[in-house]
């Protein structure tokens, strides 16, 4: 039993360096937008919220906090956002806080 598939009519973005290849076996489809969101500023969306939620220490500087938290966010790039939130919860616990 075969199914007929409608022709694709959506938008496809090709990199300027794209060259057609024969015998393609794998294609990456960024279905949840993870790669696009990082490219479009997702870390800058998450970072202020992370800084706000993290319990402060007297020796913290804004720059140090942002560097640490941005590193956490970027290490989890490509994974679902929940993993970034799990990491934030761990940072909150490390500082004696109680994640909500």
N, C-alpha and C. Protein backbone atom coordinates (compact mmCIF):
# COMPACT_ATOMS: atom_id res chain seq x y z
N UNK A 1 0.85 -1.17 0.00
CA UNK A 1 0.00 0.00 0.00
C UNK A 1 0.90 1.24 0.00
N UNK A 2 0.78 2.07 -1.00
CA UNK A 2 1.60 3.27 -1.06
C UNK A 2 0.75 4.50 -0.77
N UNK A 3 1.42 5.51 -0.26
CA UNK A 3 0.74 6.76 0.03
C UNK A 3 1.26 7.82 -0.93
N UNK A 4 0.37 8.65 -1.38
CA UNK A 4 0.80 9.75 -2.23
C UNK A 4 1.15 10.93 -1.32
N UNK A 5 2.28 11.54 -1.58
CA UNK A 5 2.74 12.67 -0.78
C UNK A 5 2.59 13.94 -1.59
N UNK A 6 2.02 14.95 -0.98
CA UNK A 6 1.89 16.24 -1.67
C UNK A 6 3.27 16.86 -1.85
N UNK A 7 3.48 17.57 -2.95
CA UNK A 7 4.77 18.22 -3.15
C UNK A 7 5.00 19.29 -2.09
N UNK A 8 6.24 19.41 -1.66
CA UNK A 8 6.61 20.40 -0.65
C UNK A 8 6.49 21.80 -1.24
N UNK A 9 5.84 22.71 -0.51
CA UNK A 9 5.68 24.08 -1.01
C UNK A 9 6.23 25.11 -0.03
N UNK A 10 6.92 24.65 1.00
CA UNK A 10 7.47 25.56 2.01
C UNK A 10 8.76 26.21 1.57
N UNK A 11 9.31 27.03 2.45
CA UNK A 11 10.54 27.76 2.20
C UNK A 11 11.74 26.92 2.66
N UNK A 12 12.75 26.86 1.84
CA UNK A 12 13.99 26.18 2.20
C UNK A 12 15.12 27.18 2.02
N UNK A 13 15.95 27.33 3.05
CA UNK A 13 17.07 28.26 2.99
C UNK A 13 18.34 27.48 2.70
N UNK A 14 19.06 27.90 1.67
CA UNK A 14 20.33 27.27 1.31
C UNK A 14 21.47 28.21 1.66
N UNK A 15 22.53 27.66 2.23
CA UNK A 15 23.73 28.44 2.51
C UNK A 15 24.35 28.88 1.19
N UNK A 16 25.02 30.04 1.18
CA UNK A 16 25.65 30.51 -0.05
C UNK A 16 26.65 29.50 -0.64
N UNK A 17 27.24 28.71 0.21
CA UNK A 17 28.23 27.73 -0.25
C UNK A 17 27.62 26.40 -0.68
N UNK A 18 26.29 26.31 -0.68
CA UNK A 18 25.62 25.05 -1.01
C UNK A 18 25.97 24.59 -2.42
N UNK A 19 26.30 23.31 -2.52
CA UNK A 19 26.50 22.68 -3.82
C UNK A 19 25.70 21.39 -3.83
N UNK A 20 24.97 21.17 -4.90
CA UNK A 20 24.16 19.97 -5.02
C UNK A 20 25.06 18.73 -5.00
N UNK A 21 24.62 17.69 -4.29
CA UNK A 21 25.39 16.45 -4.17
C UNK A 21 24.53 15.27 -4.57
N UNK A 22 25.14 14.32 -5.21
CA UNK A 22 24.42 13.10 -5.56
C UNK A 22 24.44 12.15 -4.37
N UNK A 23 23.50 11.26 -4.33
CA UNK A 23 23.45 10.19 -3.34
C UNK A 23 23.40 10.70 -1.89
N UNK A 24 22.64 11.72 -1.65
CA UNK A 24 22.48 12.23 -0.28
C UNK A 24 21.80 11.15 0.56
N UNK A 25 22.36 10.88 1.74
CA UNK A 25 21.80 9.86 2.61
C UNK A 25 21.21 10.43 3.90
N UNK A 26 21.67 11.60 4.32
CA UNK A 26 21.19 12.19 5.57
C UNK A 26 20.96 13.69 5.37
N UNK A 27 19.95 14.19 6.06
CA UNK A 27 19.64 15.61 6.03
C UNK A 27 19.29 16.03 7.45
N UNK A 28 19.80 17.18 7.89
CA UNK A 28 19.46 17.72 9.20
C UNK A 28 18.27 18.66 9.04
N UNK A 29 17.23 18.39 9.79
CA UNK A 29 16.06 19.26 9.80
C UNK A 29 15.90 19.79 11.21
N UNK A 30 16.08 21.08 11.38
CA UNK A 30 16.01 21.73 12.68
C UNK A 30 14.54 22.00 13.04
N UNK A 31 13.81 20.92 13.36
CA UNK A 31 12.37 21.02 13.53
C UNK A 31 11.92 21.92 14.67
N UNK A 32 12.74 22.07 15.71
CA UNK A 32 12.31 22.91 16.83
C UNK A 32 12.95 24.30 16.80
N UNK A 33 13.75 24.58 15.80
CA UNK A 33 14.33 25.91 15.66
C UNK A 33 15.54 26.17 16.53
N UNK A 34 16.10 25.14 17.15
CA UNK A 34 17.22 25.33 18.07
C UNK A 34 18.36 26.09 17.41
N UNK A 35 18.78 25.67 16.26
CA UNK A 35 19.90 26.33 15.59
C UNK A 35 19.53 27.74 15.19
N UNK A 36 18.35 27.94 14.68
CA UNK A 36 17.91 29.27 14.27
C UNK A 36 17.80 30.20 15.46
N UNK A 37 17.30 29.71 16.58
CA UNK A 37 17.14 30.56 17.75
C UNK A 37 18.48 31.02 18.29
N UNK A 38 19.49 30.16 18.29
CA UNK A 38 20.81 30.58 18.75
C UNK A 38 21.34 31.65 17.81
N UNK A 39 21.15 31.43 16.52
CA UNK A 39 21.61 32.40 15.54
C UNK A 39 20.86 33.73 15.71
N UNK A 40 19.63 33.68 16.10
CA UNK A 40 18.81 34.89 16.20
C UNK A 40 18.79 35.50 17.60
N UNK A 41 19.65 35.04 18.51
CA UNK A 41 19.75 35.70 19.80
C UNK A 41 19.08 35.01 20.97
N UNK A 42 18.82 33.72 20.86
CA UNK A 42 18.20 32.99 21.97
C UNK A 42 18.99 33.13 23.26
N UNK A 43 20.32 33.04 23.25
CA UNK A 43 21.06 33.20 24.51
C UNK A 43 20.78 34.55 25.18
N UNK A 44 20.60 35.60 24.38
CA UNK A 44 20.33 36.92 24.96
C UNK A 44 18.90 37.01 25.49
N UNK A 45 18.04 36.10 25.06
CA UNK A 45 16.68 36.03 25.63
C UNK A 45 16.74 35.34 26.99
N UNK A 46 17.51 34.26 27.08
CA UNK A 46 17.57 33.46 28.30
C UNK A 46 18.45 34.09 29.39
N UNK A 47 19.54 34.72 28.99
CA UNK A 47 20.53 35.20 29.96
C UNK A 47 19.96 36.14 31.02
N UNK A 48 19.20 37.18 30.67
CA UNK A 48 18.67 38.07 31.72
C UNK A 48 17.80 37.33 32.74
N UNK A 49 17.02 36.37 32.27
CA UNK A 49 16.17 35.60 33.19
C UNK A 49 17.03 34.74 34.12
N UNK A 50 18.07 34.12 33.57
CA UNK A 50 18.97 33.31 34.40
C UNK A 50 19.63 34.18 35.47
N UNK A 51 20.12 35.36 35.07
CA UNK A 51 20.78 36.26 36.02
C UNK A 51 19.79 36.68 37.11
N UNK A 52 18.57 36.98 36.73
CA UNK A 52 17.54 37.40 37.70
C UNK A 52 17.22 36.30 38.70
N UNK A 53 17.16 35.06 38.25
CA UNK A 53 16.76 33.95 39.12
C UNK A 53 17.88 33.45 40.03
N UNK A 54 19.13 33.70 39.66
CA UNK A 54 20.27 33.15 40.41
C UNK A 54 20.51 33.93 41.70
N UNK A 55 20.56 33.26 42.86
CA UNK A 55 20.90 33.96 44.10
C UNK A 55 22.29 34.61 43.99
N UNK A 56 22.39 35.85 44.43
CA UNK A 56 23.65 36.59 44.31
C UNK A 56 24.53 36.35 45.52
N UNK A 57 25.83 36.40 45.28
CA UNK A 57 26.83 36.36 46.34
C UNK A 57 27.49 37.73 46.40
N UNK A 58 28.05 38.06 47.56
CA UNK A 58 28.62 39.40 47.73
C UNK A 58 29.79 39.67 46.78
N UNK A 59 30.50 38.64 46.37
CA UNK A 59 31.66 38.86 45.50
C UNK A 59 31.33 38.70 44.01
N UNK A 60 30.06 38.54 43.67
CA UNK A 60 29.66 38.41 42.27
C UNK A 60 29.76 39.74 41.54
N UNK A 61 30.25 39.70 40.33
CA UNK A 61 30.12 40.86 39.45
C UNK A 61 29.14 40.47 38.35
N UNK A 62 28.49 41.45 37.79
CA UNK A 62 27.54 41.19 36.70
C UNK A 62 28.25 40.46 35.56
N UNK A 63 29.45 40.89 35.25
CA UNK A 63 30.21 40.27 34.16
C UNK A 63 30.51 38.80 34.44
N UNK A 64 30.93 38.49 35.67
CA UNK A 64 31.22 37.10 36.03
C UNK A 64 29.97 36.22 35.95
N UNK A 65 28.85 36.75 36.47
CA UNK A 65 27.59 35.99 36.41
C UNK A 65 27.18 35.72 34.97
N UNK A 66 27.22 36.76 34.15
CA UNK A 66 26.82 36.60 32.76
C UNK A 66 27.72 35.62 32.02
N UNK A 67 29.01 35.69 32.28
CA UNK A 67 29.95 34.77 31.62
C UNK A 67 29.66 33.32 32.02
N UNK A 68 29.47 33.08 33.31
CA UNK A 68 29.19 31.73 33.80
C UNK A 68 27.88 31.19 33.21
N UNK A 69 26.84 32.01 33.26
CA UNK A 69 25.53 31.55 32.81
C UNK A 69 25.46 31.41 31.29
N UNK A 70 26.11 32.30 30.56
CA UNK A 70 26.15 32.17 29.11
C UNK A 70 26.90 30.90 28.71
N UNK A 71 27.95 30.59 29.44
CA UNK A 71 28.68 29.35 29.19
C UNK A 71 27.75 28.14 29.41
N UNK A 72 26.97 28.17 30.49
CA UNK A 72 26.00 27.09 30.74
C UNK A 72 25.01 26.96 29.58
N UNK A 73 24.49 28.09 29.13
CA UNK A 73 23.50 28.08 28.04
C UNK A 73 24.12 27.52 26.77
N UNK A 74 25.31 27.99 26.42
CA UNK A 74 25.92 27.58 25.16
C UNK A 74 26.41 26.14 25.18
N UNK A 75 26.80 25.64 26.36
CA UNK A 75 27.21 24.23 26.44
C UNK A 75 26.05 23.30 26.11
N UNK A 76 24.84 23.78 26.34
CA UNK A 76 23.66 22.96 26.09
C UNK A 76 22.98 23.31 24.77
N UNK A 77 23.66 24.08 23.95
CA UNK A 77 23.15 24.44 22.63
C UNK A 77 22.79 23.19 21.84
N UNK A 78 21.63 23.21 21.23
CA UNK A 78 21.20 22.07 20.43
C UNK A 78 20.33 21.09 21.19
N UNK A 79 20.26 21.27 22.49
CA UNK A 79 19.38 20.41 23.30
C UNK A 79 18.12 21.20 23.63
N UNK A 80 17.12 20.51 24.08
CA UNK A 80 15.87 21.18 24.45
C UNK A 80 16.12 22.16 25.60
N UNK A 81 15.34 23.23 25.62
CA UNK A 81 15.49 24.28 26.62
C UNK A 81 15.39 23.75 28.04
N UNK A 82 14.66 22.68 28.25
CA UNK A 82 14.51 22.12 29.60
C UNK A 82 15.87 21.79 30.21
N UNK A 83 16.84 21.40 29.39
CA UNK A 83 18.17 21.08 29.92
C UNK A 83 18.89 22.33 30.40
N UNK A 84 18.65 23.46 29.75
CA UNK A 84 19.20 24.72 30.25
C UNK A 84 18.57 25.06 31.59
N UNK A 85 17.28 24.80 31.73
CA UNK A 85 16.59 25.09 32.98
C UNK A 85 17.06 24.17 34.10
N UNK A 86 17.33 22.92 33.78
CA UNK A 86 17.86 21.98 34.77
C UNK A 86 19.22 22.47 35.26
N UNK A 87 20.06 22.96 34.35
CA UNK A 87 21.36 23.50 34.74
C UNK A 87 21.20 24.73 35.62
N UNK A 88 20.26 25.60 35.28
CA UNK A 88 20.00 26.78 36.11
C UNK A 88 19.57 26.36 37.51
N UNK A 89 18.69 25.37 37.60
CA UNK A 89 18.24 24.89 38.91
C UNK A 89 19.42 24.38 39.73
N UNK A 90 20.35 23.71 39.08
CA UNK A 90 21.55 23.22 39.78
C UNK A 90 22.39 24.39 40.29
N UNK A 91 22.55 25.42 39.46
CA UNK A 91 23.30 26.62 39.89
C UNK A 91 22.61 27.28 41.09
N UNK A 92 21.30 27.34 41.07
CA UNK A 92 20.56 27.94 42.18
C UNK A 92 20.81 27.15 43.45
N UNK A 93 20.74 25.82 43.36
CA UNK A 93 21.01 24.97 44.54
C UNK A 93 22.44 25.15 45.05
N UNK A 94 23.41 25.25 44.13
CA UNK A 94 24.81 25.45 44.52
C UNK A 94 24.97 26.69 45.40
N UNK A 95 24.09 27.67 45.21
CA UNK A 95 24.18 28.93 45.93
C UNK A 95 23.21 28.99 47.10
N UNK A 96 22.66 27.84 47.47
CA UNK A 96 21.78 27.78 48.63
C UNK A 96 20.34 28.18 48.36
N UNK A 97 20.00 28.36 47.10
CA UNK A 97 18.63 28.74 46.76
C UNK A 97 17.76 27.52 46.53
N UNK A 98 16.50 27.79 46.29
CA UNK A 98 15.52 26.72 46.06
C UNK A 98 14.82 27.01 44.73
N UNK A 99 15.17 26.25 43.69
CA UNK A 99 14.54 26.50 42.39
C UNK A 99 13.04 26.26 42.45
N UNK A 100 12.30 27.04 41.70
CA UNK A 100 10.83 26.92 41.67
C UNK A 100 10.41 26.26 40.39
